[in-house]
Amino acid sequence: MSEHKISATGREAAGKGASRRLRRAASIPAVLYGANAAPQSIQLDHEKTWLASQNEWFYSSILDLDLDGKVQKVLLRDMQRHPYKQIIMHLDFQRVDENQAIRVLVPLHFLNEEKSPAGKSADVVVTHELNEVEVSCLPKYLPEFIEVDLSDLKVGDIVHLSELKLPEGVEIPELKLGKEHDVAIVIAKHGKEEVEEPTEAPAAAEVPAAKVAKKDEEKK
């Protein structure tokens, strides 16, 4: 488990007005809760936090939150973004108890797909059905990501959730719910050939009955 540090300061003012003032001052309002302690209102520098949020670890790793000089382990649990601007509106962090198991969505990293028999075949389509998976473990065992080696992937192969090689102390709660929850992660199959549909002949123009009758009269 790698260490990733972010900084924050406590704040007294709460409410929508206070949050708006913080955003105008290039800060992010946030809340820290959990671990049998009272929720605490905090604030973070927007620019530094925005840069951190561009990394995968920001969402799936345990973070070292330096709050007014005191470092504590936290997980990002919620992020509110502006609908169209590159602005983080609000963050929720959960304190981590080192002795209690946590559930976290961990990203999957797919390796060696291009080297596999399926990856080398021009007519084979390899689809990633999942890009992340929820794991359960003690905080010290939480991985930043889980690798999926596809070097032996062949056309027709399906890689299931149960085939993931998990690190020590890590499990997937979904697999305890039954075989139907052992879903596909990767599927390799032949791509569908596009068949050009035959062009239909244009329908014969309908001639009004009155015109037909008139032509018959002219012929007589």
Protein backbone atom coordinates (compact mmCIF):
# COMPACT_ATOMS: atom_id res chain seq x y z
CA MET A 1 0.00 0.00 0.00
CA SER A 2 1.59 3.23 -1.21
CA GLU A 3 1.40 6.45 0.77
CA HIS A 4 -0.35 9.45 -0.74
CA LYS A 5 -0.55 12.66 1.24
CA ILE A 6 -3.06 15.51 0.96
CA SER A 7 -3.42 18.56 3.18
CA ALA A 8 -6.44 20.23 4.73
CA THR A 9 -7.36 22.73 7.42
CA GLY A 10 -10.31 22.84 9.78
CA ARG A 11 -13.13 25.33 9.28
CA GLU A 12 -15.75 26.70 11.62
CA ALA A 13 -18.28 28.18 9.22
CA ALA A 14 -20.77 25.81 7.59
CA GLY A 15 -23.72 26.12 5.24
CA LYS A 16 -24.18 27.02 1.59
CA GLY A 17 -23.04 30.62 2.01
CA ALA A 18 -19.80 29.60 3.67
CA SER A 19 -19.19 26.97 0.99
CA ARG A 20 -19.69 29.52 -1.78
CA ARG A 21 -17.19 31.86 -0.14
CA LEU A 22 -14.66 29.04 0.09
CA ARG A 23 -15.04 28.20 -3.59
CA ARG A 24 -14.57 31.84 -4.55
CA ALA A 25 -11.34 31.74 -2.53
CA ALA A 26 -10.16 28.68 -4.53
CA SER A 27 -10.82 26.23 -1.69
CA ILE A 28 -12.96 23.11 -1.51
CA PRO A 29 -15.41 22.55 1.35
CA ALA A 30 -15.26 18.99 2.67
CA VAL A 31 -16.43 16.77 5.53
CA LEU A 32 -14.46 14.22 7.51
CA TYR A 33 -16.40 11.51 9.35
CA GLY A 34 -16.24 7.95 10.71
CA ALA A 35 -14.13 5.93 13.16
CA ASN A 36 -16.50 6.70 16.04
CA ALA A 37 -15.57 10.38 15.99
CA ALA A 38 -17.74 13.41 15.35
CA PRO A 39 -17.97 14.71 11.76
CA GLN A 40 -15.65 17.63 11.08
CA SER A 41 -15.87 20.39 8.50
CA ILE A 42 -12.59 20.91 6.65
CA GLN A 43 -11.29 22.70 3.56
CA LEU A 44 -8.66 21.90 0.93
CA ASP A 45 -6.74 23.94 -1.62
CA HIS A 46 -8.50 23.49 -4.95
CA GLU A 47 -5.50 23.54 -7.27
CA LYS A 48 -3.49 20.97 -5.31
CA THR A 49 -6.51 18.75 -4.79
CA TRP A 50 -7.51 18.99 -8.44
CA LEU A 51 -4.04 17.82 -9.47
CA ALA A 52 -4.27 14.92 -7.02
CA SER A 53 -7.70 14.00 -8.37
CA GLN A 54 -6.20 13.36 -11.81
CA ASN A 55 -4.52 10.26 -10.38
CA GLU A 56 -6.17 6.88 -10.04
CA TRP A 57 -4.93 6.46 -6.46
CA PHE A 58 -6.96 9.45 -5.28
CA TYR A 59 -10.15 7.38 -5.59
CA SER A 60 -9.04 3.90 -4.56
CA SER A 61 -6.20 4.27 -2.06
CA ILE A 62 -5.97 5.14 1.60
CA LEU A 63 -4.86 8.75 1.83
CA ASP A 64 -2.72 10.40 4.50
CA LEU A 65 -4.75 13.48 5.34
CA ASP A 66 -2.63 16.14 7.04
CA LEU A 67 -5.25 18.11 8.95
CA ASP A 68 -3.70 21.09 10.71
CA GLY A 69 -0.47 19.15 11.25
CA LYS A 70 -2.10 15.92 12.41
CA VAL A 71 -2.00 13.05 9.89
CA GLN A 72 -4.81 10.51 9.76
CA LYS A 73 -5.77 7.73 7.35
CA VAL A 74 -8.84 8.44 5.22
CA LEU A 75 -10.72 7.23 2.13
CA LEU A 76 -12.45 9.44 -0.39
CA ARG A 77 -16.12 8.45 -0.26
CA ASP A 78 -17.82 11.11 -2.36
CA MET A 79 -16.92 13.88 -4.78
CA GLN A 80 -19.26 16.50 -6.21
CA ARG A 81 -18.10 18.18 -9.41
CA HIS A 82 -19.40 21.22 -11.23
CA PRO A 83 -21.65 20.16 -14.15
CA TYR A 84 -19.37 21.61 -16.83
CA LYS A 85 -16.47 23.51 -15.21
CA GLN A 86 -13.29 21.89 -13.93
CA ILE A 87 -14.27 22.60 -10.35
CA ILE A 88 -14.60 20.23 -7.39
CA MET A 89 -17.60 21.39 -5.40
CA HIS A 90 -17.43 19.18 -2.30
CA LEU A 91 -15.62 16.14 -0.89
CA ASP A 92 -16.47 13.52 1.72
CA PHE A 93 -13.67 11.65 3.49
CA GLN A 94 -14.06 8.68 5.82
CA ARG A 95 -11.60 8.04 8.62
CA VAL A 96 -10.03 4.58 8.47
CA ASP A 97 -9.80 2.20 11.41
CA GLU A 98 -6.72 0.05 10.87
CA ASN A 99 -8.41 -2.89 12.62
CA GLN A 100 -11.65 -2.90 10.64
CA ALA A 101 -12.17 -4.29 7.15
CA ILE A 102 -13.14 -1.80 4.48
CA ARG A 103 -14.86 -2.12 1.13
CA VAL A 104 -13.33 -0.18 -1.74
CA LEU A 105 -13.67 -0.15 -5.53
CA VAL A 106 -10.25 -1.01 -6.94
CA PRO A 107 -9.33 -0.46 -10.62
CA LEU A 108 -8.33 -3.37 -12.87
CA HIS A 109 -5.17 -3.06 -14.96
CA PHE A 110 -5.21 -5.26 -18.07
CA LEU A 111 -1.77 -6.47 -19.14
CA ASN A 112 -0.35 -8.12 -22.30
CA GLU A 113 -3.59 -8.04 -24.26
CA GLU A 114 -1.77 -7.01 -27.45
CA LYS A 115 0.62 -9.98 -27.06
CA SER A 116 -2.13 -12.57 -26.63
CA PRO A 117 -3.44 -14.81 -29.45
CA ALA A 118 -6.75 -12.93 -29.27
CA GLY A 119 -5.05 -9.55 -29.31
CA LYS A 120 -2.98 -10.45 -32.38
CA SER A 121 -6.03 -11.54 -34.40
CA ALA A 122 -7.48 -8.79 -36.53
CA ASP A 123 -10.98 -10.28 -36.51
CA VAL A 124 -11.18 -10.77 -32.72
CA VAL A 125 -12.80 -8.20 -30.45
CA VAL A 126 -11.67 -8.12 -26.81
CA THR A 127 -14.10 -6.37 -24.47
CA HIS A 128 -13.48 -5.35 -20.87
CA GLU A 129 -16.77 -5.94 -19.10
CA LEU A 130 -15.48 -4.47 -15.82
CA ASN A 131 -12.85 -1.80 -15.18
CA GLU A 132 -13.00 -1.96 -11.38
CA VAL A 133 -14.05 -4.40 -8.69
CA GLU A 134 -15.15 -4.01 -5.08
CA VAL A 135 -12.82 -5.71 -2.60
CA SER A 136 -12.89 -6.19 1.15
CA CYS A 137 -9.76 -6.21 3.32
CA LEU A 138 -8.02 -4.60 6.24
CA PRO A 139 -6.62 -1.17 5.31
CA LYS A 140 -3.02 -2.41 5.33
CA TYR A 141 -3.81 -4.92 2.57
CA LEU A 142 -5.66 -2.55 0.23
CA PRO A 143 -4.07 -2.65 -3.26
CA GLU A 144 -4.03 0.41 -5.52
CA PHE A 145 -5.07 -1.83 -8.42
CA ILE A 146 -5.38 -5.48 -9.44
CA GLU A 147 -3.54 -6.79 -12.48
CA VAL A 148 -5.26 -9.01 -15.05
CA ASP A 149 -2.72 -10.84 -17.23
CA LEU A 150 -4.24 -11.52 -20.65
CA SER A 151 -1.15 -12.95 -22.33
CA ASP A 152 -2.85 -16.35 -22.89
CA LEU A 153 -6.22 -14.98 -23.98
CA LYS A 154 -7.64 -16.80 -27.03
CA VAL A 155 -10.74 -16.27 -29.13
CA GLY A 156 -13.75 -17.68 -27.28
CA ASP A 157 -12.17 -17.18 -23.85
CA ILE A 158 -14.07 -15.56 -21.00
CA VAL A 159 -12.24 -14.38 -17.89
CA HIS A 160 -14.45 -14.45 -14.80
CA LEU A 161 -14.30 -12.57 -11.51
CA SER A 162 -13.20 -15.72 -9.66
CA GLU A 163 -10.08 -15.97 -11.85
CA LEU A 164 -8.55 -12.75 -10.53
CA LYS A 165 -5.30 -13.22 -8.65
CA LEU A 166 -5.92 -11.31 -5.44
CA PRO A 167 -3.20 -10.00 -3.12
CA GLU A 168 -2.82 -11.37 0.39
CA GLY A 169 -5.71 -10.57 2.71
CA VAL A 170 -8.00 -9.35 -0.08
CA GLU A 171 -11.33 -10.90 -1.05
CA ILE A 172 -14.26 -10.08 -3.33
CA PRO A 173 -17.55 -10.02 -1.38
CA GLU A 174 -19.58 -10.45 -4.57
CA LEU A 175 -18.31 -14.00 -5.02
CA LYS A 176 -19.88 -15.06 -1.72
CA LEU A 177 -23.36 -14.39 -3.12
CA GLY A 178 -23.43 -17.37 -5.50
CA LYS A 179 -22.18 -18.60 -8.87
CA GLU A 180 -24.43 -16.19 -10.75
CA HIS A 181 -22.33 -13.36 -9.32
CA ASP A 182 -19.14 -14.73 -10.87
CA VAL A 183 -19.49 -12.33 -13.77
CA ALA A 184 -17.31 -11.96 -16.85
CA ILE A 185 -14.44 -9.49 -16.73
CA VAL A 186 -13.04 -10.00 -20.23
CA ILE A 187 -14.58 -11.59 -23.34
CA ALA A 188 -12.72 -12.42 -26.58
CA LYS A 189 -14.91 -13.19 -29.59
CA HIS A 190 -14.97 -12.84 -33.34
CA GLY A 191 -16.19 -9.47 -34.50
CA LYS A 192 -19.49 -9.41 -36.37
CA GLU A 193 -19.06 -9.12 -40.10
CA GLU A 194 -21.02 -6.28 -41.51
CA VAL A 195 -23.36 -7.62 -44.15
CA GLU A 196 -24.59 -5.08 -46.64
CA GLU A 197 -28.33 -5.31 -46.90
CA PRO A 198 -29.64 -5.63 -50.47
CA THR A 199 -31.11 -2.46 -51.80
CA GLU A 200 -34.83 -2.79 -52.31
CA ALA A 201 -36.16 -2.05 -55.78
CA PRO A 202 -38.21 1.11 -55.80
CA ALA A 203 -41.91 0.42 -55.52
CA ALA A 204 -43.93 1.01 -58.66
CA ALA A 205 -45.70 4.32 -58.55
CA GLU A 206 -49.38 3.93 -57.91
CA VAL A 207 -51.60 5.36 -60.62
CA PRO A 208 -54.92 6.76 -59.42
CA ALA A 209 -57.91 4.74 -60.62
CA ALA A 210 -59.44 7.84 -62.23
CA LYS A 211 -56.42 8.26 -64.55
CA VAL A 212 -56.52 4.59 -65.52
CA ALA A 213 -60.19 4.88 -66.38
CA LYS A 214 -59.52 8.01 -68.47
CA LYS A 215 -56.76 6.25 -70.45
CA ASP A 216 -59.08 3.33 -71.12
CA GLU A 217 -61.72 5.71 -72.47
CA GLU A 218 -59.16 7.35 -74.81
CA LYS A 219 -58.20 3.98 -76.25
CA LYS A 220 -61.80 3.19 -77.16
